[in-house]
PDB file of all heavy atoms in Angstrom:
ATOM      1  N   GLY A   1     134.725 127.422  89.667  1.00  0.00           N
ATOM      2  CA  GLY A   1     134.778 128.595  90.552  1.00  0.00           C
ATOM      3  C   GLY A   1     136.094 129.301  90.604  1.00  0.00           C
ATOM      4  O   GLY A   1     136.320 130.100  91.517  1.00  0.00           O
ATOM      5  N   GLU A   2     136.994 129.086  89.647  1.00  0.00           N
ATOM      6  CA  GLU A   2     138.277 129.781  89.650  1.00  0.00           C
ATOM      7  C   GLU A   2     138.054 131.291  89.456  1.00  0.00           C
ATOM      8  O   GLU A   2     137.384 131.713  88.525  1.00  0.00           O
ATOM      9  CB  GLU A   2     139.173 129.240  88.530  1.00  0.00           C
ATOM     10  CG  GLU A   2     140.540 129.914  88.450  1.00  0.00           C
ATOM     11  CD  GLU A   2     141.361 129.707  89.714  1.00  0.00           C
ATOM     12  OE1 GLU A   2     141.680 128.548  90.029  1.00  0.00           O
ATOM     13  OE2 GLU A   2     141.638 130.728  90.390  1.00  0.00           O
ATOM     14  N   GLN A   3     138.599 132.116  90.352  1.00  0.00           N
ATOM     15  CA  GLN A   3     138.411 133.562  90.326  1.00  0.00           C
ATOM     16  C   GLN A   3     139.667 134.317  89.904  1.00  0.00           C
ATOM     17  O   GLN A   3     139.614 135.529  89.683  1.00  0.00           O
ATOM     18  CB  GLN A   3     137.984 134.077  91.714  1.00  0.00           C
ATOM     19  CG  GLN A   3     136.665 133.515  92.190  1.00  0.00           C
ATOM     20  CD  GLN A   3     135.517 133.909  91.294  1.00  0.00           C
ATOM     21  OE1 GLN A   3     135.327 135.075  90.992  1.00  0.00           O
ATOM     22  NE2 GLN A   3     134.745 132.920  90.847  1.00  0.00           N
ATOM     23  N   SER A   4     140.797 133.606  89.773  1.00  0.00           N
ATOM     24  CA  SER A   4     142.051 134.253  89.411  1.00  0.00           C
ATOM     25  C   SER A   4     142.249 134.148  87.907  1.00  0.00           C
ATOM     26  O   SER A   4     142.373 133.043  87.357  1.00  0.00           O
ATOM     27  CB  SER A   4     143.224 133.596  90.156  1.00  0.00           C
ATOM     28  OG  SER A   4     144.453 134.121  89.702  1.00  0.00           O
ATOM     29  N   ALA A   5     142.274 135.297  87.231  1.00  0.00           N
ATOM     30  CA  ALA A   5     142.511 135.288  85.784  1.00  0.00           C
ATOM     31  C   ALA A   5     143.936 134.860  85.468  1.00  0.00           C
ATOM     32  O   ALA A   5     144.196 134.279  84.409  1.00  0.00           O
ATOM     33  CB  ALA A   5     142.240 136.676  85.206  1.00  0.00           C
ATOM     34  N   LYS A   6     144.867 135.106  86.390  1.00  0.00           N
ATOM     35  CA  LYS A   6     146.254 134.707  86.173  1.00  0.00           C
ATOM     36  C   LYS A   6     146.386 133.197  86.123  1.00  0.00           C
ATOM     37  O   LYS A   6     147.180 132.651  85.340  1.00  0.00           O
ATOM     38  CB  LYS A   6     147.119 135.297  87.280  1.00  0.00           C
ATOM     39  CG  LYS A   6     148.614 135.083  87.082  1.00  0.00           C
ATOM     40  CD  LYS A   6     149.398 135.763  88.178  1.00  0.00           C
ATOM     41  CE  LYS A   6     150.898 135.556  87.972  1.00  0.00           C
ATOM     42  NZ  LYS A   6     151.691 136.193  89.055  1.00  0.00           N
ATOM     43  N   SER A   7     145.615 132.484  86.968  1.00  0.00           N
ATOM     44  CA  SER A   7     145.651 131.019  86.946  1.00  0.00           C
ATOM     45  C   SER A   7     145.120 130.473  85.631  1.00  0.00           C
ATOM     46  O   SER A   7     145.442 129.347  85.247  1.00  0.00           O
ATOM     47  CB  SER A   7     144.828 130.459  88.114  1.00  0.00           C
ATOM     48  OG  SER A   7     145.342 130.904  89.348  1.00  0.00           O
ATOM     49  N   LEU A   8     144.273 131.270  84.942  1.00  0.00           N
ATOM     50  CA  LEU A   8     143.728 130.858  83.644  1.00  0.00           C
ATOM     51  C   LEU A   8     144.533 131.427  82.485  1.00  0.00           C
ATOM     52  O   LEU A   8     144.058 131.442  81.347  1.00  0.00           O
ATOM     53  CB  LEU A   8     142.270 131.320  83.531  1.00  0.00           C
ATOM     54  CG  LEU A   8     141.319 130.758  84.584  1.00  0.00           C
ATOM     55  CD1 LEU A   8     139.961 131.417  84.472  1.00  0.00           C
ATOM     56  CD2 LEU A   8     141.179 129.250  84.441  1.00  0.00           C
ATOM     57  N   ARG A   9     145.748 131.946  82.817  1.00  0.00           N
ATOM     58  CA  ARG A   9     146.651 132.492  81.801  1.00  0.00           C
ATOM     59  C   ARG A   9     146.025 133.677  81.076  1.00  0.00           C
ATOM     60  O   ARG A   9     146.013 133.750  79.848  1.00  0.00           O
ATOM     61  CB  ARG A   9     147.057 131.402  80.795  1.00  0.00           C
ATOM     62  CG  ARG A   9     147.808 130.247  81.425  1.00  0.00           C
ATOM     63  CD  ARG A   9     148.016 129.133  80.430  1.00  0.00           C
ATOM     64  NE  ARG A   9     146.740 128.584  79.999  1.00  0.00           N
ATOM     65  CZ  ARG A   9     146.603 127.807  78.928  1.00  0.00           C
ATOM     66  NH1 ARG A   9     147.642 127.525  78.183  1.00  0.00           N
ATOM     67  NH2 ARG A   9     145.421 127.330  78.604  1.00  0.00           N
ATOM     68  N   GLY A  10     145.481 134.590  81.867  1.00  0.00           N
ATOM     69  CA  GLY A  10     144.888 135.803  81.313  1.00  0.00           C
ATOM     70  C   GLY A  10     145.129 136.991  82.221  1.00  0.00           C
ATOM     71  O   GLY A  10     145.532 136.839  83.388  1.00  0.00           O
ATOM     72  N   ALA A  11     144.877 138.211  81.679  1.00  0.00           N
ATOM     73  CA  ALA A  11     145.065 139.426  82.469  1.00  0.00           C
ATOM     74  C   ALA A  11     143.828 139.751  83.291  1.00  0.00           C
ATOM     75  O   ALA A  11     143.919 140.229  84.422  1.00  0.00           O
ATOM     76  CB  ALA A  11     145.411 140.607  81.552  1.00  0.00           C
ATOM     77  N   ASN A  12     142.642 139.525  82.744  1.00  0.00           N
ATOM     78  CA  ASN A  12     141.396 139.727  83.474  1.00  0.00           C
ATOM     79  C   ASN A  12     140.400 138.673  83.017  1.00  0.00           C
ATOM     80  O   ASN A  12     140.657 137.905  82.083  1.00  0.00           O
ATOM     81  CB  ASN A  12     140.847 141.148  83.260  1.00  0.00           C
ATOM     82  CG  ASN A  12     140.750 141.503  81.789  1.00  0.00           C
ATOM     83  OD1 ASN A  12     140.111 140.794  81.013  1.00  0.00           O
ATOM     84  ND2 ASN A  12     141.406 142.590  81.401  1.00  0.00           N
ATOM     85  N   MET A  13     139.241 138.656  83.693  1.00  0.00           N
ATOM     86  CA  MET A  13     138.287 137.587  83.442  1.00  0.00           C
ATOM     87  C   MET A  13     137.662 137.690  82.048  1.00  0.00           C
ATOM     88  O   MET A  13     137.187 136.691  81.503  1.00  0.00           O
ATOM     89  CB  MET A  13     137.198 137.616  84.525  1.00  0.00           C
ATOM     90  CG  MET A  13     136.395 136.331  84.612  1.00  0.00           C
ATOM     91  SD  MET A  13     137.412 134.848  84.820  1.00  0.00           S
ATOM     92  CE  MET A  13     138.029 135.086  86.476  1.00  0.00           C
ATOM     93  N   GLN A  14     137.663 138.902  81.426  1.00  0.00           N
ATOM     94  CA  GLN A  14     137.115 139.024  80.079  1.00  0.00           C
ATOM     95  C   GLN A  14     138.010 138.366  79.023  1.00  0.00           C
ATOM     96  O   GLN A  14     137.572 138.141  77.898  1.00  0.00           O
ATOM     97  CB  GLN A  14     136.910 140.497  79.720  1.00  0.00           C
ATOM     98  CG  GLN A  14     135.657 141.124  80.309  1.00  0.00           C
ATOM     99  CD  GLN A  14     135.745 141.322  81.801  1.00  0.00           C
ATOM    100  OE1 GLN A  14     136.844 141.517  82.328  1.00  0.00           O
ATOM    101  NE2 GLN A  14     134.633 141.279  82.492  1.00  0.00           N
ATOM    102  N   ASP A  15     139.280 138.037  79.405  1.00  0.00           N
ATOM    103  CA  ASP A  15     140.177 137.392  78.449  1.00  0.00           C
ATOM    104  C   ASP A  15     139.765 135.968  78.138  1.00  0.00           C
ATOM    105  O   ASP A  15     140.271 135.383  77.163  1.00  0.00           O
ATOM    106  CB  ASP A  15     141.609 137.410  78.977  1.00  0.00           C
ATOM    107  CG  ASP A  15     142.192 138.813  78.969  1.00  0.00           C
ATOM    108  OD1 ASP A  15     141.625 139.670  78.270  1.00  0.00           O
ATOM    109  OD2 ASP A  15     143.196 139.055  79.659  1.00  0.00           O
ATOM    110  N   VAL A  16     138.910 135.351  78.955  1.00  0.00           N
ATOM    111  CA  VAL A  16     138.485 133.971  78.675  1.00  0.00           C
ATOM    112  C   VAL A  16     137.428 133.937  77.580  1.00  0.00           C
ATOM    113  O   VAL A  16     137.092 132.867  77.079  1.00  0.00           O
ATOM    114  CB  VAL A  16     137.937 133.304  79.960  1.00  0.00           C
ATOM    115  CG1 VAL A  16     138.976 133.310  81.058  1.00  0.00           C
ATOM    116  CG2 VAL A  16     136.655 133.970  80.435  1.00  0.00           C
ATOM    117  N   ILE A  17     136.888 135.092  77.171  1.00  0.00           N
ATOM    118  CA  ILE A  17     135.878 135.140  76.107  1.00  0.00           C
ATOM    119  C   ILE A  17     136.590 135.163  74.755  1.00  0.00           C
ATOM    120  O   ILE A  17     137.603 135.839  74.590  1.00  0.00           O
ATOM    121  CB  ILE A  17     134.971 136.373  76.270  1.00  0.00           C
ATOM    122  CG1 ILE A  17     134.297 136.358  77.642  1.00  0.00           C
ATOM    123  CG2 ILE A  17     133.906 136.417  75.188  1.00  0.00           C
ATOM    124  CD1 ILE A  17     133.497 137.611  77.946  1.00  0.00           C
ATOM    125  N   PHE A  18     136.060 134.434  73.792  1.00  0.00           N
ATOM    126  CA  PHE A  18     136.648 134.353  72.455  1.00  0.00           C
ATOM    127  C   PHE A  18     136.757 135.761  71.865  1.00  0.00           C
ATOM    128  O   PHE A  18     135.763 136.471  71.721  1.00  0.00           O
ATOM    129  CB  PHE A  18     135.780 133.465  71.563  1.00  0.00           C
ATOM    130  CG  PHE A  18     136.281 133.351  70.154  1.00  0.00           C
ATOM    131  CD1 PHE A  18     137.433 132.637  69.869  1.00  0.00           C
ATOM    132  CD2 PHE A  18     135.592 133.957  69.110  1.00  0.00           C
ATOM    133  CE1 PHE A  18     137.891 132.542  68.570  1.00  0.00           C
ATOM    134  CE2 PHE A  18     136.048 133.858  67.816  1.00  0.00           C
ATOM    135  CZ  PHE A  18     137.204 133.145  67.549  1.00  0.00           C
ATOM    136  N   SER A  19     138.011 136.164  71.529  1.00  0.00           N
ATOM    137  CA  SER A  19     138.266 137.546  71.110  1.00  0.00           C
ATOM    138  C   SER A  19     138.206 137.746  69.612  1.00  0.00           C
ATOM    139  O   SER A  19     138.391 138.861  69.136  1.00  0.00           O
ATOM    140  CB  SER A  19     139.654 137.977  71.616  1.00  0.00           C
ATOM    141  OG  SER A  19     140.651 137.109  71.120  1.00  0.00           O
ATOM    142  N   GLY A  20     137.960 136.678  68.835  1.00  0.00           N
ATOM    143  CA  GLY A  20     137.793 136.831  67.398  1.00  0.00           C
ATOM    144  C   GLY A  20     139.082 136.633  66.619  1.00  0.00           C
ATOM    145  O   GLY A  20     140.192 136.658  67.177  1.00  0.00           O
ATOM    146  N   THR A  21     138.928 136.443  65.304  1.00  0.00           N
ATOM    147  CA  THR A  21     140.053 136.282  64.394  1.00  0.00           C
ATOM    148  C   THR A  21     139.805 137.131  63.146  1.00  0.00           C
ATOM    149  O   THR A  21     138.843 137.899  63.092  1.00  0.00           O
ATOM    150  CB  THR A  21     140.212 134.793  63.989  1.00  0.00           C
ATOM    151  OG1 THR A  21     139.027 134.372  63.302  1.00  0.00           O
ATOM    152  CG2 THR A  21     140.421 133.922  65.222  1.00  0.00           C
ATOM    153  N   GLN A  22     140.669 136.967  62.145  1.00  0.00           N
ATOM    154  CA  GLN A  22     140.472 137.708  60.895  1.00  0.00           C
ATOM    155  C   GLN A  22     139.233 137.236  60.150  1.00  0.00           C
ATOM    156  O   GLN A  22     138.630 137.999  59.396  1.00  0.00           O
ATOM    157  CB  GLN A  22     141.697 137.531  60.001  1.00  0.00           C
ATOM    158  CG  GLN A  22     142.949 138.205  60.556  1.00  0.00           C
ATOM    159  CD  GLN A  22     144.135 138.044  59.629  1.00  0.00           C
ATOM    160  OE1 GLN A  22     144.051 137.319  58.643  1.00  0.00           O
ATOM    161  NE2 GLN A  22     145.249 138.707  59.941  1.00  0.00           N
ATOM    162  N   MET A  23     138.846 135.992  60.368  1.00  0.00           N
ATOM    163  CA  MET A  23     137.722 135.413  59.652  1.00  0.00           C
ATOM    164  C   MET A  23     136.432 135.423  60.467  1.00  0.00           C
ATOM    165  O   MET A  23     135.352 135.294  59.908  1.00  0.00           O
ATOM    166  CB  MET A  23     138.043 133.973  59.235  1.00  0.00           C
ATOM    167  CG  MET A  23     139.306 133.847  58.406  1.00  0.00           C
ATOM    168  SD  MET A  23     139.190 134.734  56.839  1.00  0.00           S
ATOM    169  CE  MET A  23     137.908 133.798  56.035  1.00  0.00           C
ATOM    170  N   ARG A  24     136.550 135.556  61.801  1.00  0.00           N
ATOM    171  CA  ARG A  24     135.355 135.501  62.656  1.00  0.00           C
ATOM    172  C   ARG A  24     135.380 136.653  63.636  1.00  0.00           C
ATOM    173  O   ARG A  24     136.448 137.054  64.116  1.00  0.00           O
ATOM    174  CB  ARG A  24     135.300 134.177  63.432  1.00  0.00           C
ATOM    175  CG  ARG A  24     135.199 132.943  62.533  1.00  0.00           C
ATOM    176  CD  ARG A  24     134.777 131.730  63.311  1.00  0.00           C
ATOM    177  NE  ARG A  24     133.495 131.948  63.950  1.00  0.00           N
ATOM    178  CZ  ARG A  24     132.823 130.995  64.588  1.00  0.00           C
ATOM    179  NH1 ARG A  24     133.318 129.773  64.667  1.00  0.00           N
ATOM    180  NH2 ARG A  24     131.663 131.248  65.155  1.00  0.00           N
ATOM    181  N   LYS A  25     134.211 137.171  63.919  1.00  0.00           N
ATOM    182  CA  LYS A  25     134.120 138.252  64.893  1.00  0.00           C
ATOM    183  C   LYS A  25     134.071 137.691  66.311  1.00  0.00           C
ATOM    184  O   LYS A  25     133.770 136.510  66.518  1.00  0.00           O
ATOM    185  CB  LYS A  25     132.879 139.113  64.627  1.00  0.00           C
ATOM    186  CG  LYS A  25     131.571 138.372  64.765  1.00  0.00           C
ATOM    187  CD  LYS A  25     130.403 139.307  64.475  1.00  0.00           C
ATOM    188  CE  LYS A  25     129.053 138.596  64.648  1.00  0.00           C
ATOM    189  NZ  LYS A  25     127.934 139.509  64.375  1.00  0.00           N
ATOM    190  N   SER A  26     134.367 138.536  67.283  1.00  0.00           N
ATOM    191  CA  SER A  26     134.413 138.100  68.677  1.00  0.00           C
ATOM    192  C   SER A  26     133.002 137.827  69.207  1.00  0.00           C
ATOM    193  O   SER A  26     132.010 138.311  68.673  1.00  0.00           O
ATOM    194  CB  SER A  26     135.092 139.167  69.529  1.00  0.00           C
ATOM    195  OG  SER A  26     134.358 140.381  69.465  1.00  0.00           O
ATOM    196  N   LEU A  27     132.955 137.057  70.300  1.00  0.00           N
ATOM    197  CA  LEU A  27     131.689 136.748  70.960  1.00  0.00           C
ATOM    198  C   LEU A  27     131.501 137.636  72.183  1.00  0.00           C
ATOM    199  O   LEU A  27     132.456 138.226  72.695  1.00  0.00           O
ATOM    200  CB  LEU A  27     131.649 135.275  71.366  1.00  0.00           C
ATOM    201  CG  LEU A  27     131.705 134.253  70.214  1.00  0.00           C
ATOM    202  CD1 LEU A  27     131.652 132.832  70.765  1.00  0.00           C
ATOM    203  CD2 LEU A  27     130.576 134.476  69.228  1.00  0.00           C
ATOM    204  N   GLY A  28     130.277 137.694  72.667  1.00  0.00           N
ATOM    205  CA  GLY A  28     129.968 138.560  73.814  1.00  0.00           C
ATOM    206  C   GLY A  28     129.902 137.831  75.139  1.00  0.00           C
ATOM    207  O   GLY A  28     129.689 138.465  76.175  1.00  0.00           O
ATOM    208  N   PHE A  29     130.110 136.520  75.154  1.00  0.00           N
ATOM    209  CA  PHE A  29     130.025 135.775  76.408  1.00  0.00           C
ATOM    210  C   PHE A  29     130.848 134.499  76.290  1.00  0.00           C
ATOM    211  O   PHE A  29     131.234 134.075  75.193  1.00  0.00           O
ATOM    212  CB  PHE A  29     128.561 135.429  76.730  1.00  0.00           C
ATOM    213  CG  PHE A  29     127.971 134.401  75.801  1.00  0.00           C
ATOM    214  CD1 PHE A  29     127.963 133.048  76.130  1.00  0.00           C
ATOM    215  CD2 PHE A  29     127.440 134.777  74.577  1.00  0.00           C
ATOM    216  CE1 PHE A  29     127.436 132.113  75.276  1.00  0.00           C
ATOM    217  CE2 PHE A  29     126.906 133.849  73.715  1.00  0.00           C
ATOM    218  CZ  PHE A  29     126.900 132.499  74.065  1.00  0.00           C
ATOM    219  N   ALA A  30     131.114 133.877  77.443  1.00  0.00           N
ATOM    220  CA  ALA A  30     131.765 132.561  77.514  1.00  0.00           C
ATOM    221  C   ALA A  30     130.906 131.670  78.399  1.00  0.00           C
ATOM    222  O   ALA A  30     130.409 132.114  79.449  1.00  0.00           O
ATOM    223  CB  ALA A  30     133.175 132.681  78.073  1.00  0.00           C
ATOM    224  N   TYR A  31     130.728 130.430  77.995  1.00  0.00           N
ATOM    225  CA  TYR A  31     129.841 129.503  78.713  1.00  0.00           C
ATOM    226  C   TYR A  31     130.508 128.134  78.790  1.00  0.00           C
ATOM    227  O   TYR A  31     131.032 127.623  77.787  1.00  0.00           O
ATOM    228  CB  TYR A  31     128.497 129.395  77.995  1.00  0.00           C
ATOM    229  CG  TYR A  31     127.564 128.345  78.575  1.00  0.00           C
ATOM    230  CD1 TYR A  31     126.819 128.618  79.712  1.00  0.00           C
ATOM    231  CD2 TYR A  31     127.441 127.095  77.984  1.00  0.00           C
ATOM    232  CE1 TYR A  31     125.971 127.664  80.249  1.00  0.00           C
ATOM    233  CE2 TYR A  31     126.589 126.138  78.513  1.00  0.00           C
ATOM    234  CZ  TYR A  31     125.847 126.422  79.646  1.00  0.00           C
ATOM    235  OH  TYR A  31     125.016 125.485  80.168  1.00  0.00           O
ATOM    236  N   VAL A  32     130.512 127.554  79.993  1.00  0.00           N
ATOM    237  CA  VAL A  32     131.039 126.203  80.214  1.00  0.00           C
ATOM    238  C   VAL A  32     130.076 125.478  81.144  1.00  0.00           C
ATOM    239  O   VAL A  32     129.616 126.044  82.145  1.00  0.00           O
ATOM    240  CB  VAL A  32     132.456 126.231  80.817  1.00  0.00           C
ATOM    241  CG1 VAL A  32     132.945 124.805  81.085  1.00  0.00           C
ATOM    242  CG2 VAL A  32     133.432 126.946  79.901  1.00  0.00           C
ATOM    243  N   ALA A  33     129.760 124.228  80.809  1.00  0.00           N
ATOM    244  CA  ALA A  33     128.898 123.388  81.655  1.00  0.00           C
ATOM    245  C   ALA A  33     129.568 122.031  81.803  1.00  0.00           C
ATOM    246  O   ALA A  33     130.036 121.442  80.820  1.00  0.00           O
ATOM    247  CB  ALA A  33     127.513 123.239  81.034  1.00  0.00           C
ATOM    248  N   ILE A  34     129.639 121.541  83.039  1.00  0.00           N
ATOM    249  CA  ILE A  34     130.238 120.245  83.332  1.00  0.00           C
ATOM    250  C   ILE A  34     129.157 119.346  83.928  1.00  0.00           C
ATOM    251  O   ILE A  34     128.396 119.768  84.810  1.00  0.00           O
ATOM    252  CB  ILE A  34     131.442 120.397  84.283  1.00  0.00           C
ATOM    253  CG1 ILE A  34     132.100 119.037  84.533  1.00  0.00           C
ATOM    254  CG2 ILE A  34     131.065 121.063  85.580  1.00  0.00           C
ATOM    255  CD1 ILE A  34     133.405 119.146  85.291  1.00  0.00           C
ATOM    256  N   THR A  35     129.057 118.120  83.413  1.00  0.00           N
ATOM    257  CA  THR A  35     128.019 117.174  83.840  1.00  0.00           C
ATOM    258  C   THR A  35     128.681 115.988  84.518  1.00  0.00           C
ATOM    259  O   THR A  35     129.610 115.373  83.962  1.00  0.00           O
ATOM    260  CB  THR A  35     127.185 116.701  82.645  1.00  0.00           C
ATOM    261  OG1 THR A  35     126.616 117.853  82.006  1.00  0.00           O
ATOM    262  CG2 THR A  35     126.063 115.784  83.106  1.00  0.00           C
ATOM    263  N   LEU A  36     128.202 115.659  85.742  1.00  0.00           N
ATOM    264  CA  LEU A  36     128.749 114.561  86.546  1.00  0.00           C
ATOM    265  C   LEU A  36     127.653 113.549  86.839  1.00  0.00           C
ATOM    266  O   LEU A  36     126.488 113.911  87.050  1.00  0.00           O
ATOM    267  CB  LEU A  36     129.335 115.092  87.860  1.00  0.00           C
ATOM    268  CG  LEU A  36     130.478 116.094  87.737  1.00  0.00           C
ATOM    269  CD1 LEU A  36     130.772 116.722  89.090  1.00  0.00           C
ATOM    270  CD2 LEU A  36     131.730 115.423  87.193  1.00  0.00           C
TER     271      LEU A  36
END
């Protein structure tokens, strides 16, 4: 539930999505699941 992009070392929440490289294109979403 972290809502601060600065705490995640980013400027905004879209920065957590994979932005791509020279060999791979960027993705349109980010997904994380934690199981306890």
